Amino acid sequence: MSWLTEERLRQLLEQYRSLGPLPGIGLTFLKSFVPPLPTIAIVGLNGAVYGLWLGFLYSWLGLTAGCVTTFLIIRAIAAHPYLRKWARRPKVARAMSWVRQSGFSYVFLLSLFPVGPFVVINMAAGLAAMRLRSFLLAVATGKAVMVFAVTYIGNDAERFIRRPGELIYVLLFIGISLWGVKAIEARFARLAQRRADRLAAERLQNE
């Protein structure tokens, strides 16, 4: 992994740019399977090589697809003895507990950070049998906020060095995104509560 410096990653992206979006998407996709890959460097370089919007799109697609693929694989083989043993590790057990209690918030908030235990989060969500829709929404929105912020900086890093005050726009975007996702989460919570109330009312009628 020491070979994968920022300069070599840039060379790889430039060398295979003729393949279109595949190198940019592929490198970020691999992040879910090769944890040491530097997320900030890859996402920032995608912004520098492909431009702001294409760099954002390719990084977001790759990261989201990698997380969902890991989640689905683990959920499909959750009964394997090795995975059951792995799930008893303290760090994994805590992650699974958080997923069961507040899966959407837990996955979303940790997806906002460009560094973190991504593989553990994805696997814990799969082992805890989190709903695919909730996991996909949490990962897609959280990664979108993080990827846009890093791509925005990587697309024109020199400007932020000259004018660091412009980082306020990135922080504002993150704040607005947090508010929007919380509103979505609140809507899902209300729907879940209504469903639970309806089921409880039906049980009372049957009794």
N, C-alpha and C. Protein backbone atom coordinates (compact mmCIF):
# COMPACT_ATOMS: atom_id res chain seq x y z
N MET A 1 0.81 -1.21 0.00
CA MET A 1 0.00 0.00 0.00
C MET A 1 0.85 1.26 0.00
N SER A 2 2.11 1.15 0.45
CA SER A 2 2.98 2.33 0.45
C SER A 2 3.28 2.81 -0.96
N TRP A 3 3.09 1.92 -1.95
CA TRP A 3 3.32 2.31 -3.34
C TRP A 3 2.26 3.29 -3.83
N LEU A 4 1.06 3.23 -3.26
CA LEU A 4 -0.06 4.05 -3.73
C LEU A 4 0.01 5.45 -3.12
N THR A 5 0.99 6.21 -3.55
CA THR A 5 1.09 7.60 -3.12
C THR A 5 0.12 8.45 -3.94
N GLU A 6 -0.08 9.69 -3.50
CA GLU A 6 -1.00 10.58 -4.22
C GLU A 6 -0.54 10.81 -5.65
N GLU A 7 0.78 10.93 -5.85
CA GLU A 7 1.31 11.17 -7.19
C GLU A 7 1.07 9.96 -8.10
N ARG A 8 1.25 8.75 -7.57
CA ARG A 8 1.02 7.55 -8.39
C ARG A 8 -0.46 7.38 -8.71
N LEU A 9 -1.33 7.70 -7.75
CA LEU A 9 -2.77 7.64 -8.02
C LEU A 9 -3.14 8.61 -9.13
N ARG A 10 -2.56 9.80 -9.10
CA ARG A 10 -2.82 10.78 -10.16
C ARG A 10 -2.35 10.24 -11.51
N GLN A 11 -1.19 9.62 -11.52
CA GLN A 11 -0.67 9.05 -12.76
C GLN A 11 -1.59 7.96 -13.30
N LEU A 12 -2.11 7.13 -12.39
CA LEU A 12 -3.03 6.07 -12.81
C LEU A 12 -4.29 6.65 -13.44
N LEU A 13 -4.85 7.66 -12.81
CA LEU A 13 -6.07 8.28 -13.33
C LEU A 13 -5.82 8.94 -14.68
N GLU A 14 -4.69 9.63 -14.80
CA GLU A 14 -4.36 10.28 -16.07
C GLU A 14 -4.08 9.26 -17.16
N GLN A 15 -3.36 8.18 -16.80
CA GLN A 15 -2.97 7.17 -17.77
C GLN A 15 -4.18 6.45 -18.38
N TYR A 16 -5.18 6.18 -17.54
CA TYR A 16 -6.34 5.41 -18.00
C TYR A 16 -7.58 6.29 -18.17
N ARG A 17 -7.38 7.57 -18.32
CA ARG A 17 -8.51 8.47 -18.49
C ARG A 17 -9.28 8.19 -19.77
N SER A 18 -8.61 7.58 -20.76
CA SER A 18 -9.28 7.24 -22.01
C SER A 18 -10.40 6.22 -21.80
N LEU A 19 -10.39 5.54 -20.66
CA LEU A 19 -11.45 4.57 -20.35
C LEU A 19 -12.70 5.25 -19.79
N GLY A 20 -12.68 6.57 -19.76
CA GLY A 20 -13.85 7.31 -19.29
C GLY A 20 -13.94 7.29 -17.77
N PRO A 21 -15.14 7.06 -17.25
CA PRO A 21 -15.34 7.13 -15.79
C PRO A 21 -14.84 5.91 -15.03
N LEU A 22 -14.47 4.83 -15.73
CA LEU A 22 -14.13 3.58 -15.05
C LEU A 22 -13.00 3.71 -14.02
N PRO A 23 -11.88 4.38 -14.34
CA PRO A 23 -10.81 4.49 -13.32
C PRO A 23 -11.27 5.23 -12.07
N GLY A 24 -11.98 6.35 -12.25
CA GLY A 24 -12.44 7.12 -11.10
C GLY A 24 -13.43 6.37 -10.25
N ILE A 25 -14.37 5.68 -10.91
CA ILE A 25 -15.36 4.89 -10.17
C ILE A 25 -14.71 3.67 -9.54
N GLY A 26 -13.82 3.01 -10.31
CA GLY A 26 -13.19 1.78 -9.84
C GLY A 26 -12.35 1.97 -8.60
N LEU A 27 -11.55 3.03 -8.54
CA LEU A 27 -10.70 3.27 -7.38
C LEU A 27 -11.52 3.52 -6.12
N THR A 28 -12.57 4.32 -6.25
CA THR A 28 -13.40 4.58 -5.08
C THR A 28 -14.22 3.35 -4.69
N PHE A 29 -14.61 2.53 -5.67
CA PHE A 29 -15.32 1.29 -5.37
C PHE A 29 -14.46 0.36 -4.54
N LEU A 30 -13.16 0.29 -4.87
CA LEU A 30 -12.25 -0.60 -4.16
C LEU A 30 -12.04 -0.21 -2.71
N LYS A 31 -12.37 1.04 -2.35
CA LYS A 31 -12.17 1.50 -0.99
C LYS A 31 -12.90 0.62 0.01
N SER A 32 -14.06 0.08 -0.36
CA SER A 32 -14.83 -0.76 0.55
C SER A 32 -14.20 -2.13 0.76
N PHE A 33 -13.27 -2.52 -0.12
CA PHE A 33 -12.64 -3.83 -0.03
C PHE A 33 -11.16 -3.73 0.33
N VAL A 34 -10.57 -2.56 0.14
CA VAL A 34 -9.15 -2.32 0.47
C VAL A 34 -9.11 -1.10 1.39
N PRO A 35 -9.36 -1.27 2.70
CA PRO A 35 -9.47 -0.14 3.62
C PRO A 35 -8.29 0.84 3.60
N PRO A 36 -7.04 0.40 3.41
CA PRO A 36 -5.93 1.37 3.44
C PRO A 36 -5.93 2.40 2.31
N LEU A 37 -6.73 2.19 1.27
CA LEU A 37 -6.77 3.18 0.19
C LEU A 37 -7.17 4.55 0.75
N PRO A 38 -6.43 5.60 0.41
CA PRO A 38 -6.70 6.93 0.97
C PRO A 38 -7.90 7.60 0.33
N THR A 39 -9.01 7.65 1.04
CA THR A 39 -10.25 8.20 0.49
C THR A 39 -10.09 9.66 0.07
N ILE A 40 -9.50 10.47 0.93
CA ILE A 40 -9.37 11.90 0.63
C ILE A 40 -8.56 12.10 -0.63
N ALA A 41 -7.45 11.36 -0.77
CA ALA A 41 -6.59 11.52 -1.94
C ALA A 41 -7.32 11.12 -3.22
N ILE A 42 -8.03 9.98 -3.18
CA ILE A 42 -8.71 9.49 -4.39
C ILE A 42 -9.84 10.43 -4.80
N VAL A 43 -10.66 10.82 -3.84
CA VAL A 43 -11.79 11.72 -4.16
C VAL A 43 -11.28 13.07 -4.63
N GLY A 44 -10.26 13.61 -3.95
CA GLY A 44 -9.70 14.89 -4.36
C GLY A 44 -9.09 14.83 -5.75
N LEU A 45 -8.41 13.73 -6.06
CA LEU A 45 -7.79 13.58 -7.39
C LEU A 45 -8.84 13.42 -8.48
N ASN A 46 -9.94 12.73 -8.17
CA ASN A 46 -11.03 12.64 -9.15
C ASN A 46 -11.54 14.03 -9.50
N GLY A 47 -11.63 14.90 -8.49
CA GLY A 47 -12.06 16.27 -8.76
C GLY A 47 -11.04 17.03 -9.59
N ALA A 48 -9.74 16.79 -9.34
CA ALA A 48 -8.70 17.49 -10.09
C ALA A 48 -8.61 16.99 -11.52
N VAL A 49 -8.82 15.67 -11.73
CA VAL A 49 -8.65 15.08 -13.06
C VAL A 49 -9.92 15.23 -13.91
N TYR A 50 -11.08 14.97 -13.33
CA TYR A 50 -12.32 14.97 -14.10
C TYR A 50 -13.11 16.28 -14.01
N GLY A 51 -12.74 17.13 -13.08
CA GLY A 51 -13.51 18.35 -12.87
C GLY A 51 -14.47 18.17 -11.69
N LEU A 52 -15.08 19.27 -11.29
CA LEU A 52 -15.90 19.26 -10.07
C LEU A 52 -17.07 18.28 -10.17
N TRP A 53 -17.93 18.43 -11.18
CA TRP A 53 -19.17 17.66 -11.19
C TRP A 53 -18.97 16.22 -11.60
N LEU A 54 -18.14 15.97 -12.64
CA LEU A 54 -17.88 14.58 -13.01
C LEU A 54 -17.06 13.87 -11.93
N GLY A 55 -16.09 14.60 -11.35
CA GLY A 55 -15.31 14.01 -10.27
C GLY A 55 -16.19 13.63 -9.09
N PHE A 56 -17.12 14.52 -8.75
CA PHE A 56 -18.08 14.22 -7.67
C PHE A 56 -18.92 13.00 -8.01
N LEU A 57 -19.47 12.96 -9.22
CA LEU A 57 -20.36 11.87 -9.62
C LEU A 57 -19.64 10.52 -9.59
N TYR A 58 -18.41 10.48 -10.16
CA TYR A 58 -17.69 9.21 -10.22
C TYR A 58 -17.30 8.72 -8.83
N SER A 59 -16.84 9.63 -7.98
CA SER A 59 -16.46 9.24 -6.61
C SER A 59 -17.68 8.77 -5.82
N TRP A 60 -18.78 9.50 -5.96
CA TRP A 60 -20.00 9.15 -5.23
C TRP A 60 -20.54 7.79 -5.68
N LEU A 61 -20.58 7.55 -6.98
CA LEU A 61 -21.05 6.27 -7.49
C LEU A 61 -20.17 5.13 -7.00
N GLY A 62 -18.84 5.31 -7.07
CA GLY A 62 -17.93 4.26 -6.67
C GLY A 62 -18.03 3.93 -5.19
N LEU A 63 -18.03 4.95 -4.34
CA LEU A 63 -18.11 4.73 -2.90
C LEU A 63 -19.44 4.10 -2.50
N THR A 64 -20.53 4.62 -3.05
CA THR A 64 -21.85 4.09 -2.71
C THR A 64 -22.01 2.65 -3.17
N ALA A 65 -21.58 2.37 -4.40
CA ALA A 65 -21.67 1.01 -4.94
C ALA A 65 -20.83 0.04 -4.12
N GLY A 66 -19.64 0.47 -3.70
CA GLY A 66 -18.79 -0.40 -2.89
C GLY A 66 -19.41 -0.71 -1.54
N CYS A 67 -19.97 0.31 -0.89
CA CYS A 67 -20.62 0.09 0.41
C CYS A 67 -21.81 -0.85 0.29
N VAL A 68 -22.65 -0.63 -0.71
CA VAL A 68 -23.85 -1.46 -0.87
C VAL A 68 -23.47 -2.90 -1.23
N THR A 69 -22.44 -3.06 -2.06
CA THR A 69 -21.99 -4.42 -2.43
C THR A 69 -21.50 -5.17 -1.21
N THR A 70 -20.67 -4.50 -0.38
CA THR A 70 -20.19 -5.13 0.85
C THR A 70 -21.37 -5.51 1.75
N PHE A 71 -22.31 -4.60 1.91
CA PHE A 71 -23.48 -4.82 2.75
C PHE A 71 -24.27 -6.05 2.29
N LEU A 72 -24.52 -6.14 0.98
CA LEU A 72 -25.31 -7.25 0.45
C LEU A 72 -24.59 -8.58 0.58
N ILE A 73 -23.27 -8.58 0.35
CA ILE A 73 -22.49 -9.82 0.48
C ILE A 73 -22.55 -10.33 1.91
N ILE A 74 -22.32 -9.44 2.88
CA ILE A 74 -22.31 -9.84 4.28
C ILE A 74 -23.70 -10.29 4.72
N ARG A 75 -24.73 -9.59 4.28
CA ARG A 75 -26.09 -9.98 4.67
C ARG A 75 -26.45 -11.36 4.12
N ALA A 76 -25.90 -11.68 2.94
CA ALA A 76 -26.22 -12.97 2.32
C ALA A 76 -25.51 -14.14 3.02
N ILE A 77 -24.35 -13.86 3.63
CA ILE A 77 -23.59 -14.95 4.26
C ILE A 77 -23.46 -14.72 5.77
N ALA A 78 -24.41 -14.00 6.36
CA ALA A 78 -24.33 -13.64 7.78
C ALA A 78 -24.32 -14.85 8.71
N ALA A 79 -24.84 -15.99 8.24
CA ALA A 79 -24.90 -17.17 9.10
C ALA A 79 -23.59 -17.96 9.13
N HIS A 80 -22.60 -17.55 8.37
CA HIS A 80 -21.33 -18.27 8.33
C HIS A 80 -20.67 -18.24 9.71
N PRO A 81 -20.12 -19.36 10.19
CA PRO A 81 -19.50 -19.40 11.53
C PRO A 81 -18.40 -18.35 11.74
N TYR A 82 -17.61 -18.09 10.71
CA TYR A 82 -16.54 -17.09 10.86
C TYR A 82 -17.12 -15.71 11.12
N LEU A 83 -18.18 -15.36 10.40
CA LEU A 83 -18.80 -14.05 10.58
C LEU A 83 -19.47 -13.94 11.94
N ARG A 84 -20.08 -15.04 12.42
CA ARG A 84 -20.68 -15.01 13.76
C ARG A 84 -19.61 -14.78 14.82
N LYS A 85 -18.45 -15.41 14.61
CA LYS A 85 -17.34 -15.21 15.55
C LYS A 85 -16.81 -13.78 15.46
N TRP A 86 -16.71 -13.26 14.24
CA TRP A 86 -16.22 -11.88 14.03
C TRP A 86 -17.17 -10.87 14.65
N ALA A 87 -18.46 -11.17 14.61
CA ALA A 87 -19.48 -10.26 15.14
C ALA A 87 -19.39 -10.13 16.66
N ARG A 88 -18.71 -11.08 17.33
CA ARG A 88 -18.58 -11.00 18.78
C ARG A 88 -17.45 -10.08 19.23
N ARG A 89 -16.65 -9.60 18.31
CA ARG A 89 -15.60 -8.66 18.68
C ARG A 89 -16.23 -7.38 19.24
N PRO A 90 -15.63 -6.81 20.27
CA PRO A 90 -16.24 -5.64 20.93
C PRO A 90 -16.59 -4.50 19.97
N LYS A 91 -15.66 -4.15 19.09
CA LYS A 91 -15.90 -3.03 18.17
C LYS A 91 -17.07 -3.32 17.24
N VAL A 92 -17.11 -4.54 16.72
CA VAL A 92 -18.19 -4.93 15.81
C VAL A 92 -19.51 -5.04 16.55
N ALA A 93 -19.46 -5.61 17.76
CA ALA A 93 -20.69 -5.76 18.56
C ALA A 93 -21.31 -4.39 18.87
N ARG A 94 -20.45 -3.41 19.20
CA ARG A 94 -20.97 -2.07 19.47
C ARG A 94 -21.59 -1.47 18.21
N ALA A 95 -20.92 -1.66 17.08
CA ALA A 95 -21.45 -1.13 15.82
C ALA A 95 -22.81 -1.75 15.50
N MET A 96 -22.93 -3.06 15.71
CA MET A 96 -24.21 -3.73 15.45
C MET A 96 -25.29 -3.23 16.39
N SER A 97 -24.91 -2.96 17.64
CA SER A 97 -25.89 -2.44 18.60
C SER A 97 -26.40 -1.07 18.17
N TRP A 98 -25.48 -0.21 17.70
CA TRP A 98 -25.89 1.11 17.23
C TRP A 98 -26.77 1.00 15.99
N VAL A 99 -26.43 0.08 15.10
CA VAL A 99 -27.24 -0.10 13.89
C VAL A 99 -28.66 -0.52 14.26
N ARG A 100 -28.79 -1.43 15.23
CA ARG A 100 -30.12 -1.89 15.62
C ARG A 100 -30.93 -0.78 16.29
N GLN A 101 -30.26 0.08 17.06
CA GLN A 101 -30.96 1.13 17.79
C GLN A 101 -31.32 2.31 16.89
N SER A 102 -30.37 2.76 16.07
CA SER A 102 -30.60 3.93 15.22
C SER A 102 -29.77 3.79 13.95
N GLY A 103 -30.13 2.79 13.15
CA GLY A 103 -29.34 2.44 11.98
C GLY A 103 -29.11 3.58 11.01
N PHE A 104 -30.18 4.30 10.66
CA PHE A 104 -30.04 5.35 9.65
C PHE A 104 -29.08 6.43 10.12
N SER A 105 -29.31 6.94 11.33
CA SER A 105 -28.47 8.02 11.85
C SER A 105 -27.02 7.59 11.98
N TYR A 106 -26.81 6.37 12.48
CA TYR A 106 -25.45 5.87 12.69
C TYR A 106 -24.69 5.78 11.37
N VAL A 107 -25.30 5.13 10.38
CA VAL A 107 -24.63 4.96 9.08
C VAL A 107 -24.44 6.31 8.40
N PHE A 108 -25.46 7.16 8.44
CA PHE A 108 -25.36 8.45 7.77
C PHE A 108 -24.26 9.33 8.36
N LEU A 109 -24.27 9.46 9.68
CA LEU A 109 -23.30 10.35 10.32
C LEU A 109 -21.87 9.90 10.08
N LEU A 110 -21.62 8.59 10.15
CA LEU A 110 -20.27 8.12 9.91
C LEU A 110 -19.89 8.19 8.43
N SER A 111 -20.88 8.18 7.56
CA SER A 111 -20.60 8.33 6.13
C SER A 111 -20.17 9.75 5.77
N LEU A 112 -20.42 10.69 6.67
CA LEU A 112 -20.04 12.08 6.41
C LEU A 112 -18.53 12.29 6.47
N PHE A 113 -17.83 11.40 7.17
CA PHE A 113 -16.41 11.60 7.39
C PHE A 113 -15.59 10.88 6.32
N PRO A 114 -14.54 11.54 5.77
CA PRO A 114 -13.72 10.90 4.75
C PRO A 114 -12.77 9.84 5.30
N VAL A 115 -12.64 9.75 6.62
CA VAL A 115 -11.84 8.70 7.24
C VAL A 115 -12.69 8.03 8.31
N GLY A 116 -12.51 6.73 8.45
CA GLY A 116 -13.30 6.03 9.45
C GLY A 116 -13.38 4.55 9.14
N PRO A 117 -14.01 3.79 10.03
CA PRO A 117 -14.12 2.32 9.87
C PRO A 117 -15.22 1.94 8.89
N PHE A 118 -15.06 2.31 7.62
CA PHE A 118 -16.12 2.09 6.64
C PHE A 118 -16.48 0.61 6.52
N VAL A 119 -15.46 -0.24 6.45
CA VAL A 119 -15.72 -1.67 6.26
C VAL A 119 -16.50 -2.23 7.44
N VAL A 120 -16.14 -1.83 8.66
CA VAL A 120 -16.85 -2.30 9.86
C VAL A 120 -18.30 -1.85 9.83
N ILE A 121 -18.54 -0.60 9.42
CA ILE A 121 -19.90 -0.07 9.36
C ILE A 121 -20.75 -0.87 8.38
N ASN A 122 -20.21 -1.09 7.18
CA ASN A 122 -20.95 -1.82 6.15
C ASN A 122 -21.26 -3.24 6.59
N MET A 123 -20.24 -3.90 7.18
CA MET A 123 -20.42 -5.29 7.59
C MET A 123 -21.37 -5.39 8.79
N ALA A 124 -21.25 -4.46 9.73
CA ALA A 124 -22.13 -4.48 10.90
C ALA A 124 -23.59 -4.28 10.48
N ALA A 125 -23.81 -3.38 9.52
CA ALA A 125 -25.17 -3.16 9.03
C ALA A 125 -25.72 -4.41 8.37
N GLY A 126 -24.87 -5.13 7.62
CA GLY A 126 -25.30 -6.37 6.98
C GLY A 126 -25.61 -7.45 8.00
N LEU A 127 -24.75 -7.58 9.02
CA LEU A 127 -24.96 -8.60 10.05
C LEU A 127 -26.19 -8.30 10.89
N ALA A 128 -26.47 -7.00 11.09
CA ALA A 128 -27.63 -6.61 11.89
C ALA A 128 -28.93 -6.63 11.09
N ALA A 129 -28.83 -7.06 9.82
CA ALA A 129 -30.02 -7.17 8.95
C ALA A 129 -30.73 -5.83 8.79
N MET A 130 -29.97 -4.75 8.66
CA MET A 130 -30.56 -3.44 8.40
C MET A 130 -31.27 -3.46 7.05
N ARG A 131 -32.35 -2.75 6.93
CA ARG A 131 -33.09 -2.73 5.66
C ARG A 131 -32.25 -2.09 4.57
N LEU A 132 -32.30 -2.69 3.38
CA LEU A 132 -31.50 -2.19 2.26
C LEU A 132 -31.87 -0.75 1.92
N ARG A 133 -33.16 -0.42 1.96
CA ARG A 133 -33.58 0.93 1.60
C ARG A 133 -32.99 1.96 2.55
N SER A 134 -33.03 1.67 3.84
CA SER A 134 -32.49 2.59 4.84
C SER A 134 -30.98 2.71 4.70
N PHE A 135 -30.30 1.58 4.50
CA PHE A 135 -28.85 1.61 4.35
C PHE A 135 -28.45 2.40 3.10
N LEU A 136 -29.12 2.13 1.99
CA LEU A 136 -28.81 2.82 0.75
C LEU A 136 -29.02 4.33 0.87
N LEU A 137 -30.14 4.73 1.48
CA LEU A 137 -30.41 6.16 1.64
C LEU A 137 -29.37 6.81 2.54
N ALA A 138 -29.02 6.16 3.66
CA ALA A 138 -28.05 6.73 4.59
C ALA A 138 -26.67 6.87 3.95
N VAL A 139 -26.22 5.82 3.27
CA VAL A 139 -24.90 5.84 2.63
C VAL A 139 -24.87 6.85 1.49
N ALA A 140 -25.89 6.81 0.63
CA ALA A 140 -25.90 7.69 -0.55
C ALA A 140 -25.91 9.16 -0.16
N THR A 141 -26.70 9.53 0.84
CA THR A 141 -26.76 10.94 1.24
C THR A 141 -25.51 11.35 2.00
N GLY A 142 -25.06 10.50 2.92
CA GLY A 142 -23.86 10.83 3.68
C GLY A 142 -22.64 10.95 2.80
N LYS A 143 -22.45 10.00 1.90
CA LYS A 143 -21.31 10.05 0.98
C LYS A 143 -21.41 11.24 0.03
N ALA A 144 -22.62 11.61 -0.35
CA ALA A 144 -22.78 12.76 -1.24
C ALA A 144 -22.24 14.03 -0.60
N VAL A 145 -22.56 14.24 0.68
CA VAL A 145 -22.08 15.42 1.39
C VAL A 145 -20.56 15.40 1.48
N MET A 146 -20.01 14.27 1.92
CA MET A 146 -18.56 14.16 2.08
C MET A 146 -17.82 14.29 0.76
N VAL A 147 -18.31 13.58 -0.27
CA VAL A 147 -17.62 13.58 -1.56
C VAL A 147 -17.65 14.97 -2.19
N PHE A 148 -18.79 15.66 -2.09
CA PHE A 148 -18.86 16.99 -2.68
C PHE A 148 -17.87 17.94 -2.01
N ALA A 149 -17.80 17.88 -0.68
CA ALA A 149 -16.89 18.76 0.04
C ALA A 149 -15.44 18.51 -0.35
N VAL A 150 -15.04 17.23 -0.41
CA VAL A 150 -13.65 16.89 -0.75
C VAL A 150 -13.36 17.20 -2.21
N THR A 151 -14.33 16.89 -3.10
CA THR A 151 -14.13 17.16 -4.53
C THR A 151 -14.04 18.66 -4.79
N TYR A 152 -14.87 19.42 -4.08
CA TYR A 152 -14.87 20.88 -4.25
C TYR A 152 -13.50 21.47 -3.92
N ILE A 153 -12.90 20.94 -2.86
CA ILE A 153 -11.57 21.42 -2.47
C ILE A 153 -10.52 20.89 -3.44
N GLY A 154 -10.59 19.59 -3.79
CA GLY A 154 -9.60 19.00 -4.68
C GLY A 154 -9.64 19.56 -6.08
N ASN A 155 -10.81 20.03 -6.52
CA ASN A 155 -10.94 20.58 -7.86
C ASN A 155 -10.13 21.86 -8.05
N ASP A 156 -9.96 22.64 -6.98
CA ASP A 156 -9.19 23.88 -7.05
C ASP A 156 -8.55 24.15 -5.69
N ALA A 157 -7.61 23.28 -5.32
CA ALA A 157 -6.99 23.37 -4.01
C ALA A 157 -6.24 24.69 -3.82
N GLU A 158 -5.63 25.19 -4.90
CA GLU A 158 -4.84 26.41 -4.79
C GLU A 158 -5.70 27.60 -4.38
N ARG A 159 -6.96 27.62 -4.82
CA ARG A 159 -7.84 28.75 -4.46
C ARG A 159 -8.08 28.80 -2.96
N PHE A 160 -8.25 27.61 -2.33
CA PHE A 160 -8.49 27.59 -0.89
C PHE A 160 -7.23 27.93 -0.11
N ILE A 161 -6.07 27.65 -0.70
CA ILE A 161 -4.82 28.05 -0.05
C ILE A 161 -4.70 29.57 -0.08
N ARG A 162 -5.12 30.18 -1.21
CA ARG A 162 -5.04 31.64 -1.33
C ARG A 162 -6.14 32.32 -0.51
N ARG A 163 -7.35 31.69 -0.50
CA ARG A 163 -8.49 32.32 0.18
C ARG A 163 -9.18 31.29 1.08
N PRO A 164 -8.61 30.99 2.24
CA PRO A 164 -9.18 29.96 3.12
C PRO A 164 -10.58 30.29 3.61
N GLY A 165 -10.97 31.58 3.55
CA GLY A 165 -12.31 31.96 3.99
C GLY A 165 -13.41 31.31 3.16
N GLU A 166 -13.11 30.87 1.96
CA GLU A 166 -14.13 30.27 1.10
C GLU A 166 -14.55 28.88 1.57
N LEU A 167 -13.84 28.32 2.56
CA LEU A 167 -14.26 27.04 3.12
C LEU A 167 -15.64 27.15 3.78
N ILE A 168 -16.09 28.38 4.05
CA ILE A 168 -17.40 28.58 4.68
C ILE A 168 -18.51 28.02 3.80
N TYR A 169 -18.31 28.05 2.47
CA TYR A 169 -19.34 27.53 1.56
C TYR A 169 -19.49 26.02 1.71
N VAL A 170 -18.35 25.35 1.91
CA VAL A 170 -18.39 23.91 2.11
C VAL A 170 -19.13 23.58 3.41
N LEU A 171 -18.82 24.32 4.48
CA LEU A 171 -19.47 24.09 5.77
C LEU A 171 -20.97 24.39 5.68
N LEU A 172 -21.34 25.43 4.92
CA LEU A 172 -22.75 25.76 4.76
C LEU A 172 -23.49 24.65 4.03
N PHE A 173 -22.87 24.12 3.00
CA PHE A 173 -23.47 23.02 2.24
C PHE A 173 -23.70 21.81 3.14
N ILE A 174 -22.71 21.48 3.98
CA ILE A 174 -22.85 20.34 4.89
C ILE A 174 -24.00 20.58 5.87
N GLY A 175 -24.09 21.82 6.39
CA GLY A 175 -25.17 22.14 7.33
C GLY A 175 -26.54 21.98 6.71
N ILE A 176 -26.72 22.49 5.49
CA ILE A 176 -28.00 22.36 4.79
C ILE A 176 -28.33 20.90 4.52
N SER A 177 -27.31 20.13 4.13
CA SER A 177 -27.52 18.71 3.84
C SER A 177 -27.95 17.96 5.10
N LEU A 178 -27.31 18.29 6.23
CA LEU A 178 -27.69 17.64 7.49
C LEU A 178 -29.15 17.90 7.82
N TRP A 179 -29.59 19.15 7.64
CA TRP A 179 -30.97 19.50 7.91
C TRP A 179 -31.91 18.71 6.99
N GLY A 180 -31.57 18.63 5.72
CA GLY A 180 -32.41 17.92 4.77
C GLY A 180 -32.53 16.44 5.09
N VAL A 181 -31.40 15.81 5.43
CA VAL A 181 -31.43 14.39 5.73
C VAL A 181 -32.20 14.11 7.02
N LYS A 182 -32.05 15.00 8.01
CA LYS A 182 -32.81 14.84 9.24
C LYS A 182 -34.31 14.91 8.97
N ALA A 183 -34.70 15.77 8.04
CA ALA A 183 -36.12 15.87 7.67
C ALA A 183 -36.59 14.57 7.03
N ILE A 184 -35.74 13.98 6.19
CA ILE A 184 -36.08 12.70 5.56
C ILE A 184 -36.20 11.61 6.62
N GLU A 185 -35.22 11.59 7.55
CA GLU A 185 -35.24 10.59 8.60
C GLU A 185 -36.50 10.72 9.45
N ALA A 186 -36.88 11.98 9.76
CA ALA A 186 -38.08 12.20 10.57
C ALA A 186 -39.32 11.67 9.85
N ARG A 187 -39.35 11.81 8.54
CA ARG A 187 -40.49 11.31 7.76
C ARG A 187 -40.57 9.79 7.85
N PHE A 188 -39.41 9.11 7.70
CA PHE A 188 -39.39 7.66 7.82
C PHE A 188 -39.82 7.22 9.22
N ALA A 189 -39.40 7.97 10.24
CA ALA A 189 -39.77 7.63 11.63
C ALA A 189 -41.28 7.75 11.82
N ARG A 190 -41.87 8.80 11.24
CA ARG A 190 -43.33 8.97 11.37
C ARG A 190 -44.07 7.83 10.66
N LEU A 191 -43.57 7.45 9.49
CA LEU A 191 -44.21 6.36 8.76
C LEU A 191 -44.11 5.05 9.54
N ALA A 192 -42.94 4.82 10.15
CA ALA A 192 -42.75 3.60 10.94
C ALA A 192 -43.67 3.60 12.16
N GLN A 193 -43.83 4.75 12.80
CA GLN A 193 -44.70 4.85 13.96
C GLN A 193 -46.16 4.61 13.59
N ARG A 194 -46.56 5.17 12.46
CA ARG A 194 -47.94 4.96 12.01
C ARG A 194 -48.19 3.48 11.72
N ARG A 195 -47.19 2.82 11.12
CA ARG A 195 -47.33 1.41 10.82
C ARG A 195 -47.44 0.60 12.11
N ALA A 196 -46.59 0.97 13.11
CA ALA A 196 -46.63 0.27 14.39
C ALA A 196 -47.97 0.49 15.09
N ASP A 197 -48.47 1.72 15.05
CA ASP A 197 -49.77 2.02 15.67
C ASP A 197 -50.89 1.24 14.99
N ARG A 198 -50.82 1.15 13.66
CA ARG A 198 -51.85 0.42 12.94
C ARG A 198 -51.84 -1.06 13.29
N LEU A 199 -50.63 -1.63 13.40
CA LEU A 199 -50.53 -3.06 13.75
C LEU A 199 -51.02 -3.30 15.17
N ALA A 200 -50.71 -2.36 16.07
CA ALA A 200 -51.16 -2.51 17.45
C ALA A 200 -52.69 -2.43 17.53
N ALA A 201 -53.27 -1.52 16.74
CA ALA A 201 -54.74 -1.39 16.73
C ALA A 201 -55.39 -2.66 16.17
N GLU A 202 -54.78 -3.24 15.15
CA GLU A 202 -55.32 -4.47 14.56
C GLU A 202 -55.27 -5.63 15.55
N ARG A 203 -54.17 -5.71 16.33
CA ARG A 203 -54.06 -6.78 17.33
C ARG A 203 -55.13 -6.63 18.42
N LEU A 204 -55.40 -5.37 18.82
CA LEU A 204 -56.42 -5.15 19.83
C LEU A 204 -57.79 -5.56 19.31
N GLN A 205 -58.06 -5.26 18.03
CA GLN A 205 -59.37 -5.63 17.46
C GLN A 205 -59.52 -7.14 17.39
N ASN A 206 -58.43 -7.82 17.06
CA ASN A 206 -58.50 -9.28 16.95
C ASN A 206 -58.70 -9.94 18.31
N GLU A 207 -58.19 -9.30 19.36
CA GLU A 207 -58.38 -9.85 20.71
C GLU A 207 -59.81 -9.65 21.19
